C-alpha atoms as a PDB file:
ATOM      1  CA  MET A   1      14.528  11.219   9.188  1.00  0.00           C
ATOM      2  CA  LEU A   2      11.682  12.005   6.798  1.00  0.00           C
ATOM      3  CA  VAL A   3      10.491   9.468   4.206  1.00  0.00           C
ATOM      4  CA  ARG A   4       7.797   9.924   1.560  1.00  0.00           C
ATOM      5  CA  LEU A   5       6.068   6.924  -0.053  1.00  0.00           C
ATOM      6  CA  VAL A   6       3.279   6.787  -2.629  1.00  0.00           C
ATOM      7  CA  SER A   7      -0.104   5.167  -2.041  1.00  0.00           C
ATOM      8  CA  VAL A   8      -3.580   5.644  -3.465  1.00  0.00           C
ATOM      9  CA  ALA A   9      -7.020   6.776  -2.319  1.00  0.00           C
ATOM     10  CA  HIS A  10     -10.164   5.941  -4.269  1.00  0.00           C
ATOM     11  CA  VAL A  11     -12.857   8.513  -4.864  1.00  0.00           C
ATOM     12  CA  GLY A  12     -15.549   6.559  -6.667  1.00  0.00           C
ATOM     13  CA  LEU A  13     -13.780   5.026  -9.659  1.00  0.00           C
ATOM     14  CA  THR A  14     -11.044   7.657  -9.638  1.00  0.00           C
ATOM     15  CA  SER A  15      -7.687   7.013  -7.974  1.00  0.00           C
ATOM     16  CA  VAL A  16      -5.925   9.911  -6.288  1.00  0.00           C
ATOM     17  CA  PRO A  17      -2.259   9.848  -5.217  1.00  0.00           C
ATOM     18  CA  VAL A  18      -1.629   9.945  -1.481  1.00  0.00           C
ATOM     19  CA  ASP A  19       1.817  10.867  -0.173  1.00  0.00           C
ATOM     20  CA  VAL A  20       2.525   8.863   2.964  1.00  0.00           C
ATOM     21  CA  GLU A  21       5.068  11.025   4.785  1.00  0.00           C
ATOM     22  CA  VAL A  22       6.716   9.379   7.778  1.00  0.00           C
ATOM     23  CA  ASP A  23       8.999  11.216  10.192  1.00  0.00           C
ATOM     24  CA  VAL A  24      10.848   9.508  13.024  1.00  0.00           C
ATOM     25  CA  ALA A  25      12.175  12.364  15.158  1.00  0.00           C
ATOM     26  CA  SER A  26      15.469  12.192  17.010  1.00  0.00           C
ATOM     27  CA  GLN A  27      14.023  14.336  19.818  1.00  0.00           C
ATOM     28  CA  GLY A  28      10.692  14.498  21.605  1.00  0.00           C
ATOM     29  CA  PHE A  29       8.513  12.218  23.674  1.00  0.00           C
ATOM     30  CA  PRO A  30       7.719   8.783  22.208  1.00  0.00           C
ATOM     31  CA  GLY A  31       4.405   8.696  20.379  1.00  0.00           C
ATOM     32  CA  PHE A  32       2.716   7.669  17.143  1.00  0.00           C
ATOM     33  CA  THR A  33       0.430  10.180  15.413  1.00  0.00           C
ATOM     34  CA  ILE A  34      -1.400   9.918  12.081  1.00  0.00           C
ATOM     35  CA  VAL A  35      -2.714  13.145  10.522  1.00  0.00           C
ATOM     36  CA  GLY A  36      -4.310  14.029   7.201  1.00  0.00           C
ATOM     37  CA  LEU A  37      -8.088  13.566   7.574  1.00  0.00           C
ATOM     38  CA  ALA A  38      -7.755   9.913   8.504  1.00  0.00           C
ATOM     39  CA  GLY A  39     -10.854   7.818   9.185  1.00  0.00           C
ATOM     40  CA  LYS A  40     -11.267   5.439  12.117  1.00  0.00           C
ATOM     41  CA  ALA A  41      -9.749   2.459  10.251  1.00  0.00           C
ATOM     42  CA  VAL A  42      -6.678   4.529   9.354  1.00  0.00           C
ATOM     43  CA  GLU A  43      -6.245   5.748  12.943  1.00  0.00           C
ATOM     44  CA  GLU A  44      -6.314   2.112  14.069  1.00  0.00           C
ATOM     45  CA  ALA A  45      -3.337   1.485  11.780  1.00  0.00           C
ATOM     46  CA  ARG A  46      -1.125   2.586  14.675  1.00  0.00           C
ATOM     47  CA  GLU A  47      -1.796  -0.647  16.556  1.00  0.00           C
ATOM     48  CA  ARG A  48      -1.755  -2.881  13.463  1.00  0.00           C
ATOM     49  CA  VAL A  49       1.524  -1.447  12.160  1.00  0.00           C
ATOM     50  CA  LYS A  50       3.305  -1.462  15.511  1.00  0.00           C
ATOM     51  CA  THR A  51       2.348  -5.053  16.287  1.00  0.00           C
ATOM     52  CA  ALA A  52       3.067  -6.265  12.729  1.00  0.00           C
ATOM     53  CA  ILE A  53       6.569  -4.748  12.802  1.00  0.00           C
ATOM     54  CA  VAL A  54       7.384  -6.367  16.156  1.00  0.00           C
ATOM     55  CA  ASN A  55       5.911  -9.752  15.162  1.00  0.00           C
ATOM     56  CA  SER A  56       7.934  -9.638  11.933  1.00  0.00           C
ATOM     57  CA  GLY A  57      11.148  -9.588  13.977  1.00  0.00           C
ATOM     58  CA  MET A  58      11.986  -5.906  13.602  1.00  0.00           C
ATOM     59  CA  ASP A  59      12.178  -3.078  16.118  1.00  0.00           C
ATOM     60  CA  PHE A  60       9.423  -0.530  16.520  1.00  0.00           C
ATOM     61  CA  PRO A  61      11.253   2.725  17.328  1.00  0.00           C
ATOM     62  CA  GLY A  62      10.467   4.190  20.733  1.00  0.00           C
ATOM     63  CA  LYS A  63      10.550   7.726  19.340  1.00  0.00           C
ATOM     64  CA  LYS A  64       8.161  10.420  18.192  1.00  0.00           C
ATOM     65  CA  ILE A  65       6.629   9.148  14.934  1.00  0.00           C
ATOM     66  CA  THR A  66       4.446  11.386  12.809  1.00  0.00           C
ATOM     67  CA  VAL A  67       2.632  10.119   9.712  1.00  0.00           C
ATOM     68  CA  ASN A  68       1.033  12.612   7.335  1.00  0.00           C
ATOM     69  CA  LEU A  69      -1.359  11.410   4.619  1.00  0.00           C
ATOM     70  CA  ALA A  70      -1.388  14.182   2.024  1.00  0.00           C
ATOM     71  CA  PRO A  71      -3.374  15.907   0.632  1.00  0.00           C
ATOM     72  CA  ALA A  72      -4.836  16.838   3.995  1.00  0.00           C
ATOM     73  CA  ASP A  73      -8.282  17.787   2.631  1.00  0.00           C
ATOM     74  CA  LEU A  74      -8.972  14.357   1.087  1.00  0.00           C
ATOM     75  CA  PRO A  75     -10.711  11.864   3.423  1.00  0.00           C
ATOM     76  CA  LYS A  76      -8.815   8.569   3.794  1.00  0.00           C
ATOM     77  CA  ASP A  77     -10.368   5.382   5.031  1.00  0.00           C
ATOM     78  CA  GLY A  78      -9.608   1.674   5.167  1.00  0.00           C
ATOM     79  CA  GLY A  79      -6.525  -0.333   6.027  1.00  0.00           C
ATOM     80  CA  ALA A  80      -4.682   0.056   2.721  1.00  0.00           C
ATOM     81  CA  TYR A  81      -2.195   2.551   4.192  1.00  0.00           C
ATOM     82  CA  ASP A  82      -0.773   0.032   6.686  1.00  0.00           C
ATOM     83  CA  LEU A  83       1.884  -1.269   4.295  1.00  0.00           C
ATOM     84  CA  PRO A  84       3.335   2.115   3.240  1.00  0.00           C
ATOM     85  CA  ILE A  85       3.265   3.347   6.851  1.00  0.00           C
ATOM     86  CA  ALA A  86       5.177   0.278   8.054  1.00  0.00           C
ATOM     87  CA  ILE A  87       7.819   0.523   5.309  1.00  0.00           C
ATOM     88  CA  GLY A  88       8.105   4.271   5.943  1.00  0.00           C
ATOM     89  CA  ILE A  89       8.766   3.698   9.648  1.00  0.00           C
ATOM     90  CA  LEU A  90      11.429   1.071   8.911  1.00  0.00           C
ATOM     91  CA  VAL A  91      13.194   3.362   6.424  1.00  0.00           C
ATOM     92  CA  ALA A  92      12.855   6.498   8.576  1.00  0.00           C
ATOM     93  CA  SER A  93      14.280   4.638  11.592  1.00  0.00           C
ATOM     94  CA  ARG A  94      17.203   3.461   9.410  1.00  0.00           C
ATOM     95  CA  GLN A  95      16.404  -0.237   9.789  1.00  0.00           C
ATOM     96  CA  LEU A  96      15.850  -0.452   6.050  1.00  0.00           C
ATOM     97  CA  VAL A  97      17.518   1.288   3.131  1.00  0.00           C
ATOM     98  CA  PHE A  98      15.209   1.891   0.194  1.00  0.00           C
ATOM     99  CA  GLU A  99      16.045   4.671  -2.236  1.00  0.00           C
ATOM    100  CA  ARG A 100      13.582   3.982  -5.055  1.00  0.00           C
ATOM    101  CA  TRP A 101      10.329   4.618  -3.195  1.00  0.00           C
ATOM    102  CA  GLU A 102       9.258   7.376  -5.602  1.00  0.00           C
ATOM    103  CA  ARG A 103       9.025   4.754  -8.369  1.00  0.00           C
ATOM    104  CA  ALA A 104       6.759   2.411  -6.419  1.00  0.00           C
ATOM    105  CA  VAL A 105       3.225   2.271  -5.037  1.00  0.00           C
ATOM    106  CA  PHE A 106       2.510   0.518  -1.724  1.00  0.00           C
ATOM    107  CA  TYR A 107      -1.026  -0.590  -0.889  1.00  0.00           C
ATOM    108  CA  GLY A 108      -2.278  -3.163   1.602  1.00  0.00           C
ATOM    109  CA  GLU A 109      -3.644  -3.911   5.050  1.00  0.00           C
ATOM    110  CA  LEU A 110      -1.485  -5.634   7.662  1.00  0.00           C
ATOM    111  CA  GLY A 111      -2.546  -8.330  10.078  1.00  0.00           C
ATOM    112  CA  LEU A 112      -1.045  -8.382  13.554  1.00  0.00           C
ATOM    113  CA  SER A 113       1.250 -11.261  12.556  1.00  0.00           C
ATOM    114  CA  GLY A 114       2.719  -9.215   9.690  1.00  0.00           C
ATOM    115  CA  ASP A 115       0.631 -10.940   7.020  1.00  0.00           C
ATOM    116  CA  VAL A 116      -0.619  -8.676   4.234  1.00  0.00           C
ATOM    117  CA  ARG A 117      -4.378  -9.088   3.893  1.00  0.00           C
ATOM    118  CA  THR A 118      -6.525  -9.002   0.775  1.00  0.00           C
ATOM    119  CA  THR A 119      -7.512  -5.379   0.155  1.00  0.00           C
ATOM    120  CA  LYS A 120     -10.175  -3.886  -2.105  1.00  0.00           C
ATOM    121  CA  GLY A 121      -9.379  -1.537  -4.998  1.00  0.00           C
ATOM    122  CA  VAL A 122      -6.171  -3.129  -6.328  1.00  0.00           C
ATOM    123  CA  LEU A 123      -7.266  -2.948  -9.987  1.00  0.00           C
ATOM    124  CA  LEU A 124      -7.602   0.824  -9.607  1.00  0.00           C
ATOM    125  CA  VAL A 125      -4.118   0.918  -8.064  1.00  0.00           C
ATOM    126  CA  GLY A 126      -2.710  -0.816 -11.149  1.00  0.00           C
ATOM    127  CA  LEU A 127      -4.484   1.596 -13.502  1.00  0.00           C
ATOM    128  CA  PHE A 128      -3.221   4.535 -11.429  1.00  0.00           C
ATOM    129  CA  ALA A 129       0.374   3.271 -11.622  1.00  0.00           C
ATOM    130  CA  LYS A 130       0.181   2.852 -15.398  1.00  0.00           C
ATOM    131  CA  LYS A 131      -1.246   6.349 -15.858  1.00  0.00           C
ATOM    132  CA  ARG A 132       1.467   7.868 -13.636  1.00  0.00           C
ATOM    133  CA  LYS A 133       4.219   5.727 -15.267  1.00  0.00           C
ATOM    134  CA  ILE A 134       5.165   4.164 -11.935  1.00  0.00           C
ATOM    135  CA  SER A 135       7.033   0.938 -12.575  1.00  0.00           C
ATOM    136  CA  ALA A 136       6.444  -1.163  -9.421  1.00  0.00           C
ATOM    137  CA  VAL A 137       3.271  -1.905  -7.474  1.00  0.00           C
ATOM    138  CA  PHE A 138       3.417  -3.747  -4.139  1.00  0.00           C
ATOM    139  CA  VAL A 139      -0.014  -5.132  -3.254  1.00  0.00           C
ATOM    140  CA  PRO A 140      -1.447  -8.036  -1.211  1.00  0.00           C
ATOM    141  CA  ASP A 141      -0.903 -11.480  -2.696  1.00  0.00           C
ATOM    142  CA  GLY A 142      -4.612 -12.227  -2.459  1.00  0.00           C
ATOM    143  CA  SER A 143      -5.524  -9.172  -4.549  1.00  0.00           C
ATOM    144  CA  ALA A 144      -2.566  -9.065  -6.952  1.00  0.00           C
ATOM    145  CA  LEU A 145      -4.392 -10.740  -9.863  1.00  0.00           C
ATOM    146  CA  GLU A 146      -6.612  -7.655 -10.132  1.00  0.00           C
ATOM    147  CA  ALA A 147      -3.625  -5.444 -10.964  1.00  0.00           C
ATOM    148  CA  GLY A 148      -2.073  -8.250 -13.020  1.00  0.00           C
ATOM    149  CA  VAL A 149      -4.358  -7.464 -15.969  1.00  0.00           C
ATOM    150  CA  VAL A 150      -2.796  -4.001 -16.401  1.00  0.00           C
ATOM    151  CA  GLU A 151      -0.020  -3.794 -18.975  1.00  0.00           C
ATOM    152  CA  GLY A 152       3.212  -1.883 -18.500  1.00  0.00           C
ATOM    153  CA  ILE A 153       3.701  -2.258 -14.735  1.00  0.00           C
ATOM    154  CA  ASP A 154       5.407  -4.795 -12.477  1.00  0.00           C
ATOM    155  CA  VAL A 155       2.989  -6.120  -9.857  1.00  0.00           C
ATOM    156  CA  TYR A 156       4.669  -7.677  -6.829  1.00  0.00           C
ATOM    157  CA  PRO A 157       2.373  -9.887  -4.719  1.00  0.00           C
ATOM    158  CA  VAL A 158       3.265  -9.412  -1.051  1.00  0.00           C
ATOM    159  CA  GLN A 159       2.352 -12.111   1.486  1.00  0.00           C
ATOM    160  CA  THR A 160       4.093 -10.723   4.575  1.00  0.00           C
ATOM    161  CA  LEU A 161       5.834  -7.587   5.770  1.00  0.00           C
ATOM    162  CA  ARG A 162       8.960  -9.659   6.368  1.00  0.00           C
ATOM    163  CA  GLY A 163       8.806 -10.866   2.754  1.00  0.00           C
ATOM    164  CA  LEU A 164       8.631  -7.297   1.441  1.00  0.00           C
ATOM    165  CA  VAL A 165      11.579  -6.294   3.628  1.00  0.00           C
ATOM    166  CA  GLY A 166      13.509  -9.272   2.225  1.00  0.00           C
ATOM    167  CA  HIS A 167      12.746  -8.048  -1.302  1.00  0.00           C
ATOM    168  CA  ILE A 168      13.904  -4.501  -0.561  1.00  0.00           C
ATOM    169  CA  THR A 169      17.131  -5.705   1.047  1.00  0.00           C
ATOM    170  CA  GLY A 170      17.749  -8.126  -1.819  1.00  0.00           C
ATOM    171  CA  LEU A 171      17.922 -11.181   0.463  1.00  0.00           C
ATOM    172  CA  SER A 172      14.783 -12.809  -0.970  1.00  0.00           C
ATOM    173  CA  PRO A 173      13.519 -10.923  -4.044  1.00  0.00           C
ATOM    174  CA  LEU A 174       9.847 -11.160  -4.924  1.00  0.00           C
ATOM    175  CA  LEU A 175       8.967 -12.194  -8.463  1.00  0.00           C
ATOM    176  CA  PRO A 176       6.647  -9.885 -10.379  1.00  0.00           C
ATOM    177  CA  LEU A 177       3.292 -11.366 -11.270  1.00  0.00           C
ATOM    178  CA  LYS A 178       2.931 -12.552 -14.854  1.00  0.00           C
ATOM    179  CA  ARG A 179       0.374 -10.432 -16.633  1.00  0.00           C
ATOM    180  CA  LYS A 180      -3.012 -12.049 -17.150  1.00  0.00           C
ATOM    181  CA  LYS A 181      -4.658 -11.822 -20.542  1.00  0.00           C
ATOM    182  CA  VAL A 182      -8.302 -10.795 -20.381  1.00  0.00           C
ATOM    183  CA  ASP A 183     -10.634 -12.312 -22.947  1.00  0.00           C
ATOM    184  CA  ILE A 184     -13.626 -10.186 -23.814  1.00  0.00           C
ATOM    185  CA  VAL A 185     -16.733 -12.281 -24.268  1.00  0.00           C
ATOM    186  CA  GLU A 186     -19.485 -10.775 -26.340  1.00  0.00           C
ATOM    187  CA  SER A 187     -22.934 -12.304 -26.519  1.00  0.00           C
ATOM    188  CA  ASP A 188     -26.197 -11.295 -28.113  1.00  0.00           C
ATOM    189  CA  LEU A 189     -28.099 -13.511 -25.717  1.00  0.00           C
ATOM    190  CA  VAL A 190     -29.463 -11.474 -22.832  1.00  0.00           C
ATOM    191  CA  GLU A 191     -32.198 -12.423 -20.435  1.00  0.00           C
ATOM    192  CA  PHE A 192     -33.528  -8.910 -19.907  1.00  0.00           C
ATOM    193  CA  ASP A 193     -33.447  -5.674 -21.824  1.00  0.00           C
ATOM    194  CA  LEU A 194     -33.502  -2.204 -20.263  1.00  0.00           C
ATOM    195  CA  SER A 195     -36.241  -1.196 -22.720  1.00  0.00           C
ATOM    196  CA  GLU A 196     -38.592  -3.596 -20.907  1.00  0.00           C
ATOM    197  CA  VAL A 197     -38.401  -1.546 -17.717  1.00  0.00           C
END
């Protein structure tokens, strides 16, 4: 079964959509391959995702798993693709039913225990979701406040993979983060001026 989830890559201060395509084949030798110009940290996601799924009490399918991070010509680096890859594997192996993935963004690094670790770039993920009119953003709990300043989106802080699975199944729904108001402080008092350089 083929599943496509949405994540984000950052090129400077610009966020680019990344389709995380996960296929769990019914035939072929067992294996786990990640393609799509993935950096070393992304390639290592194989071990993080596999161990996190098992330690979260779910089955890692002993089948041929192929993950494509599209577009293929855009370099991807970091651990932020762990969360969408893990959810994609669970859906593609029919352990999880989730039909609204096109209206959500998944972004976050997994620990071996299944914990979702603080990940850089979450503010840009929130801005990306608002621009693309995507309603739900699933990001690490420790980084969620960054996206919480963006209006018009629901930011769901995720602590564990098991917790996100519980939300998707409806057994233990996550509460969206309340939006944080940002006060702009203006001051005429500056210690240095660029004209002094």
